[in-house]
Protein backbone atom coordinates (compact mmCIF):
# COMPACT_ATOMS: atom_id res chain seq x y z
CA MET A 1 27.01 20.81 -7.00
CA GLU A 2 25.07 18.57 -4.59
CA PRO A 3 22.28 17.68 -7.10
CA PHE A 4 24.93 16.42 -9.52
CA VAL A 5 26.45 14.19 -6.87
CA ALA A 6 23.02 12.93 -5.79
CA THR A 7 22.14 12.15 -9.42
CA LEU A 8 25.36 10.18 -9.82
CA VAL A 9 24.69 8.25 -6.60
CA TYR A 10 21.10 7.46 -7.66
CA PHE A 11 22.38 6.38 -11.07
CA VAL A 12 24.98 4.04 -9.58
CA ILE A 13 22.47 2.60 -7.10
CA SER A 14 19.97 2.04 -9.91
CA VAL A 15 22.47 0.30 -12.18
CA VAL A 16 23.60 -1.96 -9.33
CA ILE A 17 20.02 -2.84 -8.35
CA VAL A 18 19.07 -3.58 -11.97
CA LEU A 19 22.14 -5.80 -12.39
CA ILE A 20 21.41 -7.64 -9.15
CA GLY A 21 17.81 -8.12 -10.22
CA LEU A 22 18.84 -9.47 -13.61
CA PHE A 23 21.35 -11.79 -11.95
CA ILE A 24 18.66 -13.19 -9.67
CA PHE A 25 16.26 -13.63 -12.59
CA GLU A 26 19.04 -15.41 -14.47
CA LEU A 27 19.37 -17.84 -11.55
CA MET A 28 15.62 -18.49 -11.68
CA THR A 29 15.64 -19.58 -15.32
CA LYS A 30 16.83 -23.15 -15.51
CA LYS A 31 16.25 -24.02 -19.16
CA TYR A 32 18.22 -21.22 -20.79
CA LYS A 33 20.61 -18.40 -20.03
CA ASP A 34 19.06 -15.00 -20.67
CA LEU A 35 21.88 -13.28 -22.51
CA VAL A 36 22.76 -16.38 -24.52
CA ALA A 37 19.14 -16.61 -25.66
CA VAL A 38 19.17 -12.92 -26.61
CA GLN A 39 22.46 -13.32 -28.45
CA GLU A 40 20.87 -16.18 -30.39
CA GLY A 41 18.05 -13.84 -31.43
CA ASN A 42 15.33 -14.96 -29.04
CA GLU A 43 13.05 -11.93 -29.10
CA ALA A 44 10.61 -13.33 -26.54
CA VAL A 45 13.35 -13.61 -23.92
CA ALA A 46 14.58 -10.12 -24.87
CA MET A 47 11.08 -8.69 -24.35
CA SER A 48 10.81 -10.42 -20.99
CA ILE A 49 14.19 -9.06 -19.90
CA ALA A 50 13.30 -5.58 -21.16
CA GLY A 51 10.12 -5.70 -19.09
CA LYS A 52 12.08 -6.63 -16.00
CA ILE A 53 14.58 -3.80 -16.55
CA ILE A 54 11.85 -1.25 -17.22
CA GLY A 55 9.83 -2.54 -14.27
CA ILE A 56 12.72 -2.26 -11.85
CA CYS A 57 13.55 1.22 -13.16
CA ILE A 58 9.94 2.37 -12.77
CA ILE A 59 9.99 1.29 -9.15
CA LEU A 60 13.35 3.01 -8.64
CA SER A 61 12.07 6.22 -10.22
CA PHE A 62 9.13 6.34 -7.81
CA ALA A 63 11.50 5.53 -4.95
CA ILE A 64 13.88 8.33 -5.91
CA TYR A 65 11.02 10.79 -6.27
CA HIS A 66 9.43 9.93 -2.92
CA SER A 67 12.48 9.20 -0.75
CA ASN A 68 14.09 11.77 1.47
CA GLU A 69 17.30 9.83 1.86
CA ILE A 70 19.37 7.76 -0.55
CA TYR A 71 19.20 4.70 1.71
CA GLU A 72 15.38 4.76 1.37
CA THR A 73 15.77 4.45 -2.39
CA LEU A 74 18.10 1.51 -1.88
CA ILE A 75 15.60 -0.23 0.39
CA TRP A 76 12.67 0.42 -1.99
CA GLY A 77 14.77 -0.74 -4.92
CA ILE A 78 15.60 -4.04 -3.26
CA TYR A 79 11.98 -4.44 -2.19
CA GLY A 80 10.88 -3.67 -5.75
CA VAL A 81 13.18 -6.35 -7.18
CA ALA A 82 11.79 -8.84 -4.66
CA LEU A 83 8.23 -7.98 -5.68
CA GLN A 84 9.15 -8.32 -9.37
CA LEU A 85 10.47 -11.80 -8.58
CA VAL A 86 7.21 -12.64 -6.85
CA ALA A 87 5.28 -11.32 -9.87
CA TYR A 88 7.30 -13.53 -12.21
CA VAL A 89 6.68 -16.63 -10.07
CA LEU A 90 2.95 -15.84 -9.83
CA PHE A 91 2.77 -15.26 -13.58
CA ASP A 92 4.28 -18.69 -14.16
CA LEU A 93 1.94 -20.29 -11.60
CA PHE A 94 -1.20 -18.72 -13.09
CA THR A 95 -0.36 -19.91 -16.58
CA ARG A 96 -0.98 -23.56 -15.78
CA LYS A 97 -1.63 -24.56 -19.38
CA PHE A 98 1.94 -23.79 -20.34
CA SER A 99 5.31 -23.03 -18.81
CA VAL A 100 6.37 -19.43 -19.29
CA GLU A 101 10.01 -20.49 -19.34
CA ASP A 102 9.35 -23.13 -22.01
CA GLN A 103 7.42 -20.68 -24.15
CA LEU A 104 10.10 -18.01 -23.86
CA LEU A 105 12.71 -20.61 -24.80
CA LYS A 106 10.62 -21.42 -27.90
CA ASN A 107 10.68 -17.69 -28.77
CA ASN A 108 6.93 -17.31 -28.27
CA LYS A 109 6.69 -13.54 -28.69
CA ALA A 110 3.14 -13.42 -27.35
CA VAL A 111 4.36 -14.81 -24.02
CA GLY A 112 7.32 -12.40 -24.14
CA ILE A 113 4.97 -9.45 -24.56
CA LEU A 114 2.71 -10.72 -21.78
CA SER A 115 5.70 -11.19 -19.49
CA MET A 116 6.87 -7.67 -20.28
CA GLY A 117 3.39 -6.32 -19.56
CA VAL A 118 3.20 -8.06 -16.21
CA SER A 119 6.57 -6.64 -15.15
CA ILE A 120 5.82 -3.10 -16.28
CA GLY A 121 2.22 -3.05 -15.10
CA LEU A 122 2.97 -4.31 -11.63
CA ALA A 123 5.92 -1.94 -11.38
CA PHE A 124 3.50 0.97 -11.71
CA VAL A 125 1.35 -0.50 -8.94
CA VAL A 126 4.35 -1.00 -6.65
CA GLY A 127 5.76 2.40 -7.57
CA ALA A 128 2.48 4.17 -6.88
CA SER A 129 2.39 2.62 -3.41
CA ILE A 130 5.71 4.20 -2.48
CA THR A 131 5.04 7.29 -0.41
């Protein structure tokens, strides 16, 4: 029965970490509210959010696989969210010719895809470093 309990605990931890991460990302966007933009059909914002969710979950999956204790997964998950935040800020800084937030607000799907790729790609790098 213990693996079932552990799976439930990892699931709950993962959902909470993803929700916290999304809440923090929501605080970072000043020009729109993520879920309102999605509800209005903004696919670029939806792709960006999907990338963040997938990215956080990739990091959590590596953390679960490589951690001996549940608290280690929690620590890696929080660290992974922090690194995803850093990645988002760096992505915005390195795109000096345009504002990522402005382009997502304008439903620029190319920027949404790029944002998703940054989140997912860097999640694999962070995840692979967890040992």
